Each structure stands twice: as structure tokens, then as C-alpha cells.
């Protein structure tokens, strides 16, 4: 029996893995083999440079290491910070202009705040917001306290004035405003049985010794005591200057009226009665 053996040709290149197992079945590849010398060197080497070497790849493009990127980013950040710093300085200088309108000033302040916020890190922004909220809370408490003090002062003032006016009107004063002006600096609201009561620290005179004393009393009692001291307060009340009875008698004044403390208007109205009393006619 005849046996025919046809040789099998396998095309390989340097560096290709050695084929294992059975040769591929089917017809061998057609066409002419590639021309030229086969590539030399280590075919397993990567032709593109690694990211840490900073070398170029096969196309001639440069690659950057992590240190290169950090340097580029740091330089870019520095330039931005310098620019932001210049803009912030310019805005601060513009805000020094006294001729700015209120609207222009608010716009500049808003831009300045945006510039400052752009330069903060996340941690710095959190701290800034915390301090801002704390400042706003403190300011709100202060404003509320000031409003409370203002309305409390108004209440006390109006309560004192009203009580003095009522006492002066009941005490038959010529001009209640004069009584209020005299007693108001001496009057304060005192707490009694859970209520605020106007009390006058009245400059009184001790009836036994004649010495000056301070008496704490109500506005009504203070006005009453003023009427009882005509040499000091006599010209302030109508009861110390009364009309006479009978034709031709005219007016006359109380015998204990203090003429030196009498205001000019009251003196002019009662001039004739005063002259008659002084001359004994």
C-alpha cells in the first residue's frame, strides 16, 4: 500500500507564543507572507510610557505623573487666589467711596461676599456659616431686648405722667403741666402687691422740727402736700388766690401766699389784690 505525505507549513513570527496542541485544521492561509524584516526587540514590552515615568507614547504625546498634575493644579489655584484677592481689594476700595448710592453699595457688598465665599474651602464655609448664624442670633436677641426696653420705658413714662396729671387736675392747679414737670423727676413705678404703682419721693418739711425730709407718697398725696406748703408751692394752685365776695371788694389772696415764688402771670392777674393785702387796705 502506498502512503503519501503532504508537508504542512505554519507561518510564525518572532515573539509569538509557541503553538500547543494540534495544528489548526482547514486550508492554510492564502496570499503572500508580509515582506520586510520581522520586528526586533522584546515584543512583550509596552510601547506606551507608564503614568509615573512622564515619557511619551508611540504617537509622540506627553504623559504626566501625579506630581506633575499636583504642580499644575497648585499653580492654577494660586493664580485664581491672586485674582480673587485683587478683585476683593478693588471692591473694598470702591466701597470707601462716600458718593455711592444705597443701591450701588448693596450690589458691591453682595459681589464682595460672593468673592470671599469663592475662596473658602468646605470647612471654612461651614465655620463661616456657623459664625454668621451665631451673629444673627445674637443681633436678634439684642434688638428684641432693645425693643422691650423701649416699650417698657414708654409705658412707665406714660403711666407716671398720667397719674401726675390726674393728681394736678384734682388738686386745682393753675397749670397741671407745671406740676408734672416738677414731680416727674421724683416719681418712679414701685411694685406693690404685684402691681406697679407711681410713687413720688417728695421733698417734704417736718412739721415738728421744720427740717427737710423725703417722703414717699402717691402723686395725689404729693399734690395735697404741695397745697399745704404755700410758701413753697402756693403760686401753683388756685385755692391760694380766691375771689372776694361783694361789690367793690375785688379779689384777695391768702394771707400765707409766698409772693416771691409767684410766677409773673399770676402776679399780674392778682396785682391789685396783692397790693391791698400788703398795704393793709
Protein backbone atom coordinates (compact mmCIF):
# COMPACT_ATOMS: atom_id res chain seq x y z
CA UNK A 1 0.00 0.00 0.00
CA UNK A 2 1.25 3.39 -0.96
CA UNK A 3 1.27 6.26 1.55
CA UNK A 4 1.52 9.92 0.56
CA UNK A 5 2.66 12.53 2.97
CA UNK A 6 1.94 16.24 2.24
CA UNK A 7 4.05 18.60 4.37
CA UNK A 8 2.15 21.23 6.48
CA UNK A 9 3.55 24.81 6.61
CA UNK A 10 2.85 27.12 9.63
CA UNK A 11 3.62 30.84 9.43
CA UNK A 12 5.07 32.27 12.70
CA UNK A 13 6.82 35.43 13.76
CA UNK A 14 9.46 36.01 16.35
CA UNK A 15 7.91 36.62 19.76
CA UNK A 16 4.70 34.74 19.08
CA UNK A 17 3.77 32.15 21.65
CA UNK A 18 4.73 28.63 20.68
CA UNK A 19 1.62 26.84 19.40
CA UNK A 20 0.48 23.98 21.55
CA UNK A 21 -1.76 21.09 20.79
CA UNK A 22 -2.84 20.03 17.36
CA UNK A 23 -2.22 22.31 14.38
CA UNK A 24 -5.23 24.29 13.11
CA UNK A 25 -7.45 22.40 10.73
CA UNK A 26 -8.62 23.62 7.40
CA UNK A 27 -6.87 25.16 4.47
CA UNK A 28 -3.68 27.08 5.15
CA UNK A 29 -3.81 30.90 4.81
CA UNK A 30 -3.56 32.20 1.31
CA UNK A 31 -1.68 35.13 -0.02
CA UNK A 32 1.90 36.13 0.16
CA UNK A 33 3.55 36.47 3.54
CA UNK A 34 4.36 40.01 4.79
CA UNK A 35 7.50 41.42 3.41
CA UNK A 36 10.28 43.11 5.28
CA UNK A 37 12.26 42.17 8.29
CA UNK A 38 10.36 40.99 11.38
CA UNK A 39 10.22 43.33 14.38
CA UNK A 40 13.13 43.18 16.72
CA UNK A 41 13.43 43.61 20.46
CA UNK A 42 11.22 42.41 23.26
CA UNK A 43 7.69 42.15 21.87
CA UNK A 44 6.22 41.96 25.41
CA UNK A 45 7.39 45.45 26.29
CA UNK A 46 4.66 48.15 26.32
CA UNK A 47 5.31 50.73 23.67
CA UNK A 48 3.38 53.40 25.65
CA UNK A 49 5.09 55.00 28.70
CA UNK A 50 3.57 54.46 32.14
CA UNK A 51 1.82 57.26 34.07
CA UNK A 52 4.68 57.54 36.55
CA UNK A 53 7.56 57.91 34.14
CA UNK A 54 6.46 61.01 32.29
CA UNK A 55 7.64 59.56 28.99
CA UNK A 56 5.97 59.80 25.60
CA UNK A 57 3.91 57.15 23.83
CA UNK A 58 4.27 55.80 20.36
CA UNK A 59 2.36 58.79 18.90
CA UNK A 60 4.69 61.37 20.46
CA UNK A 61 2.10 62.69 23.08
CA UNK A 62 3.45 63.54 26.54
CA UNK A 63 2.12 61.84 29.63
CA UNK A 64 2.15 63.38 33.15
CA UNK A 65 2.94 61.91 36.51
CA UNK A 66 0.83 62.58 39.61
CA UNK A 67 3.47 65.03 40.83
CA UNK A 68 3.17 66.96 37.55
CA UNK A 69 -0.61 67.16 37.91
CA UNK A 70 -0.32 68.34 41.52
CA UNK A 71 2.09 71.08 40.47
CA UNK A 72 -0.19 72.25 37.65
CA UNK A 73 -3.27 72.32 39.92
CA UNK A 74 -1.40 74.17 42.66
CA UNK A 75 -0.20 76.80 40.21
CA UNK A 76 -3.69 77.23 38.78
CA UNK A 77 -5.15 77.61 42.30
CA UNK A 78 -2.50 80.19 43.19
CA UNK A 79 -3.33 82.27 40.11
CA UNK A 80 -7.03 82.17 40.92
CA UNK A 81 -6.39 83.19 44.51
CA UNK A 82 -4.29 86.12 43.39
CA UNK A 83 -7.03 87.22 41.00
CA UNK A 84 -9.72 86.89 43.66
CA UNK A 85 -7.52 88.83 46.07
CA UNK A 86 -7.14 91.66 43.58
CA UNK A 87 -10.88 91.78 42.93
CA UNK A 88 -11.62 91.79 46.66
CA UNK A 89 -9.22 94.70 47.19
CA UNK A 90 -10.82 96.62 44.33
CA UNK A 91 -14.31 96.12 45.76
CA UNK A 92 -13.20 97.24 49.23
CA UNK A 93 -11.71 100.39 47.73
CA UNK A 94 -14.91 101.09 45.81
CA UNK A 95 -16.96 100.73 48.99
CA UNK A 96 -14.91 103.55 50.55
CA UNK A 97 -16.48 105.96 48.05
CA UNK A 98 -18.91 108.12 50.02
CA UNK A 99 -20.81 109.19 46.89
CA UNK A 100 -22.23 105.70 46.27
CA UNK A 101 -25.99 105.35 46.35
CA UNK A 102 -27.55 102.85 48.72
CA UNK A 103 -28.41 100.52 45.83
CA UNK A 104 -24.86 100.65 44.43
CA UNK A 105 -23.39 99.98 47.85
CA UNK A 106 -25.61 96.92 48.37
CA UNK A 107 -24.63 95.50 44.98
CA UNK A 108 -20.93 95.94 45.71
CA UNK A 109 -21.31 94.34 49.12
CA UNK A 110 -23.08 91.39 47.51
CA UNK A 111 -20.30 90.92 44.95
CA UNK A 112 -17.66 91.17 47.66
CA UNK A 113 -19.45 88.48 49.68
CA UNK A 114 -19.53 86.20 46.61
CA UNK A 115 -15.81 86.72 46.02
CA UNK A 116 -14.99 85.88 49.61
CA UNK A 117 -17.20 82.78 49.52
CA UNK A 118 -15.48 81.52 46.35
CA UNK A 119 -12.11 81.48 48.12
CA UNK A 120 -13.24 79.41 51.12
CA UNK A 121 -12.77 75.70 51.48
CA UNK A 122 -15.67 73.49 52.51
CA UNK A 123 -14.54 73.54 56.15
CA UNK A 124 -14.04 77.30 56.08
CA UNK A 125 -17.51 77.81 54.62
CA UNK A 126 -19.07 75.66 57.34
CA UNK A 127 -17.28 77.71 60.02
CA UNK A 128 -18.26 80.96 58.30
CA UNK A 129 -21.93 79.93 58.18
CA UNK A 130 -21.81 78.93 61.85
CA UNK A 131 -20.37 82.28 62.92
CA UNK A 132 -22.82 84.14 60.69
CA UNK A 133 -25.80 82.32 62.20
CA UNK A 134 -24.45 82.92 65.69
CA UNK A 135 -24.01 86.64 64.98
CA UNK A 136 -27.51 86.95 63.53
CA UNK A 137 -28.95 85.20 66.57
CA UNK A 138 -27.07 87.49 68.94
CA UNK A 139 -28.20 90.55 66.99
CA UNK A 140 -31.83 89.39 67.02
CA UNK A 141 -31.72 88.93 70.80
CA UNK A 142 -30.17 92.39 71.23
CA UNK A 143 -32.79 94.04 69.03
CA UNK A 144 -35.60 92.26 70.85
CA UNK A 145 -34.17 93.40 74.19
CA UNK A 146 -33.88 96.98 72.95
CA UNK A 147 -37.48 96.94 71.71
CA UNK A 148 -38.62 95.55 75.04
CA UNK A 149 -36.70 98.22 76.96
CA UNK A 150 -38.13 100.93 74.69
CA UNK A 151 -41.75 99.91 75.19
CA UNK A 152 -41.21 99.38 78.91
CA UNK A 153 -39.78 102.89 79.18
CA UNK A 154 -42.73 104.34 77.26
CA UNK A 155 -45.21 102.50 79.47
CA UNK A 156 -43.56 103.72 82.67
CA UNK A 157 -43.29 107.26 81.39
CA UNK A 158 -46.91 107.46 80.25
CA UNK A 159 -48.15 105.88 83.49
CA UNK A 160 -46.23 108.40 85.60
CA UNK A 161 -47.33 111.40 83.52
CA UNK A 162 -50.97 110.34 83.53
CA UNK A 163 -51.02 109.84 87.31
CA UNK A 164 -49.41 113.24 87.91
CA UNK A 165 -51.79 114.99 85.51
CA UNK A 166 -54.79 113.44 87.24
CA UNK A 167 -53.47 114.47 90.65
CA UNK A 168 -52.72 118.02 89.47
CA UNK A 169 -56.20 118.37 87.94
CA UNK A 170 -57.86 117.16 91.13
CA UNK A 171 -55.65 119.46 93.19
CA UNK A 172 -56.98 122.57 91.43
CA UNK A 173 -53.60 123.53 89.95
CA UNK A 174 -53.35 126.52 87.64
CA UNK A 175 -51.29 124.58 85.13
CA UNK A 176 -51.10 120.78 85.54
CA UNK A 177 -48.12 120.69 83.18
CA UNK A 178 -46.11 122.61 85.76
CA UNK A 179 -46.93 120.02 88.42
CA UNK A 180 -45.91 117.21 86.05
CA UNK A 181 -42.62 118.94 85.25
CA UNK A 182 -41.82 119.40 88.94
CA UNK A 183 -42.79 115.96 90.22
CA UNK A 184 -41.87 113.74 87.25
CA UNK A 185 -38.12 113.56 88.10
CA UNK A 186 -39.10 112.45 91.62
CA UNK A 187 -41.60 109.78 90.53
CA UNK A 188 -40.95 106.12 89.84
CA UNK A 189 -43.05 102.99 89.48
CA UNK A 190 -42.82 100.83 92.58
CA UNK A 191 -44.07 97.26 92.79
CA UNK A 192 -46.75 96.80 95.41
CA UNK A 193 -48.78 93.60 95.72
CA UNK A 194 -47.70 92.53 92.22
CA UNK A 195 -48.66 95.87 90.64
CA UNK A 196 -46.60 98.86 89.50
CA UNK A 197 -47.73 101.95 91.39
CA UNK A 198 -46.39 105.51 90.77
CA UNK A 199 -44.71 106.82 93.90
CA UNK A 200 -43.19 110.26 94.48
CA UNK A 201 -40.03 110.75 96.53
CA UNK A 202 -41.36 114.12 97.74
CA UNK A 203 -39.09 116.80 99.31
CA UNK A 204 -41.18 117.47 102.39
CA UNK A 205 -40.75 119.52 105.55
CA UNK A 206 -41.07 118.02 109.02
CA UNK A 207 -43.87 119.89 110.77
CA UNK A 208 -42.33 119.37 114.21
CA UNK A 209 -38.70 120.17 113.53
CA UNK A 210 -39.00 122.22 110.33
CA UNK A 211 -36.22 120.22 108.75
CA UNK A 212 -36.20 118.99 105.16
CA UNK A 213 -37.18 115.33 104.80
CA UNK A 214 -38.01 112.96 101.95
CA UNK A 215 -41.47 111.42 101.98
CA UNK A 216 -42.51 108.53 99.73
CA UNK A 217 -46.13 109.13 98.75
CA UNK A 218 -48.60 108.78 95.89
CA UNK A 219 -48.99 111.58 93.30
CA UNK A 220 -52.31 112.63 94.86
CA UNK A 221 -50.73 112.87 98.33
CA UNK A 222 -47.76 114.76 96.89
CA UNK A 223 -50.03 117.37 95.29
CA UNK A 224 -52.04 117.62 98.50
CA UNK A 225 -48.87 118.22 100.46
CA UNK A 226 -47.77 120.90 97.98
CA UNK A 227 -51.00 122.77 98.65
CA UNK A 228 -50.26 122.59 102.36
CA UNK A 229 -46.93 124.35 101.83
CA UNK A 230 -47.99 127.67 100.25
CA UNK A 231 -44.65 129.36 100.95
CA UNK A 232 -43.02 126.84 98.67
CA UNK A 233 -45.74 125.86 96.18
CA UNK A 234 -48.54 128.34 96.86
CA UNK A 235 -48.47 130.10 93.48
CA UNK A 236 -49.25 126.83 91.66
CA UNK A 237 -52.81 126.40 92.98
CA UNK A 238 -55.99 128.40 92.57
CA UNK A 239 -57.02 127.81 96.17
CA UNK A 240 -54.35 130.24 97.35
CA UNK A 241 -55.85 133.06 95.24
CA UNK A 242 -59.65 133.36 95.60
CA UNK A 243 -62.24 135.91 94.54
CA UNK A 244 -63.81 138.12 97.18
CA UNK A 245 -67.50 138.40 97.85
CA UNK A 246 -69.47 141.61 97.45
CA UNK A 247 -69.32 144.53 95.11
CA UNK A 248 -66.18 146.58 95.06
CA UNK A 249 -64.19 144.10 97.11
CA UNK A 250 -62.49 142.56 94.05
CA UNK A 251 -60.04 139.74 94.55
CA UNK A 252 -57.87 138.95 97.52
CA UNK A 253 -55.11 136.42 98.17
CA UNK A 254 -54.50 134.03 101.00
CA UNK A 255 -52.56 135.55 103.87
CA UNK A 256 -49.82 132.90 103.76
CA UNK A 257 -49.13 133.20 100.00
CA UNK A 258 -45.45 133.30 99.10
CA UNK A 259 -45.24 136.26 96.69
CA UNK A 260 -41.58 135.70 95.83
CA UNK A 261 -42.29 132.28 94.34
CA UNK A 262 -45.30 133.50 92.37
CA UNK A 263 -44.95 133.42 88.58
CA UNK A 264 -45.28 136.75 86.69
CA UNK A 265 -48.60 135.89 85.03
CA UNK A 266 -50.30 135.08 88.34
CA UNK A 267 -48.85 138.21 89.90
CA UNK A 268 -50.20 140.41 87.09
CA UNK A 269 -53.68 138.91 87.40
CA UNK A 270 -53.78 139.48 91.15
CA UNK A 271 -51.63 142.58 91.39
CA UNK A 272 -54.33 144.80 92.85
CA UNK A 273 -55.37 142.24 95.49
CA UNK A 274 -51.75 141.70 96.48
CA UNK A 275 -51.10 145.41 96.87
CA UNK A 276 -54.21 145.83 99.06
CA UNK A 277 -53.21 142.93 101.28
CA UNK A 278 -49.63 144.06 101.63
CA UNK A 279 -50.62 147.67 102.37
CA UNK A 280 -53.35 146.54 104.78
CA UNK A 281 -56.08 148.34 102.91
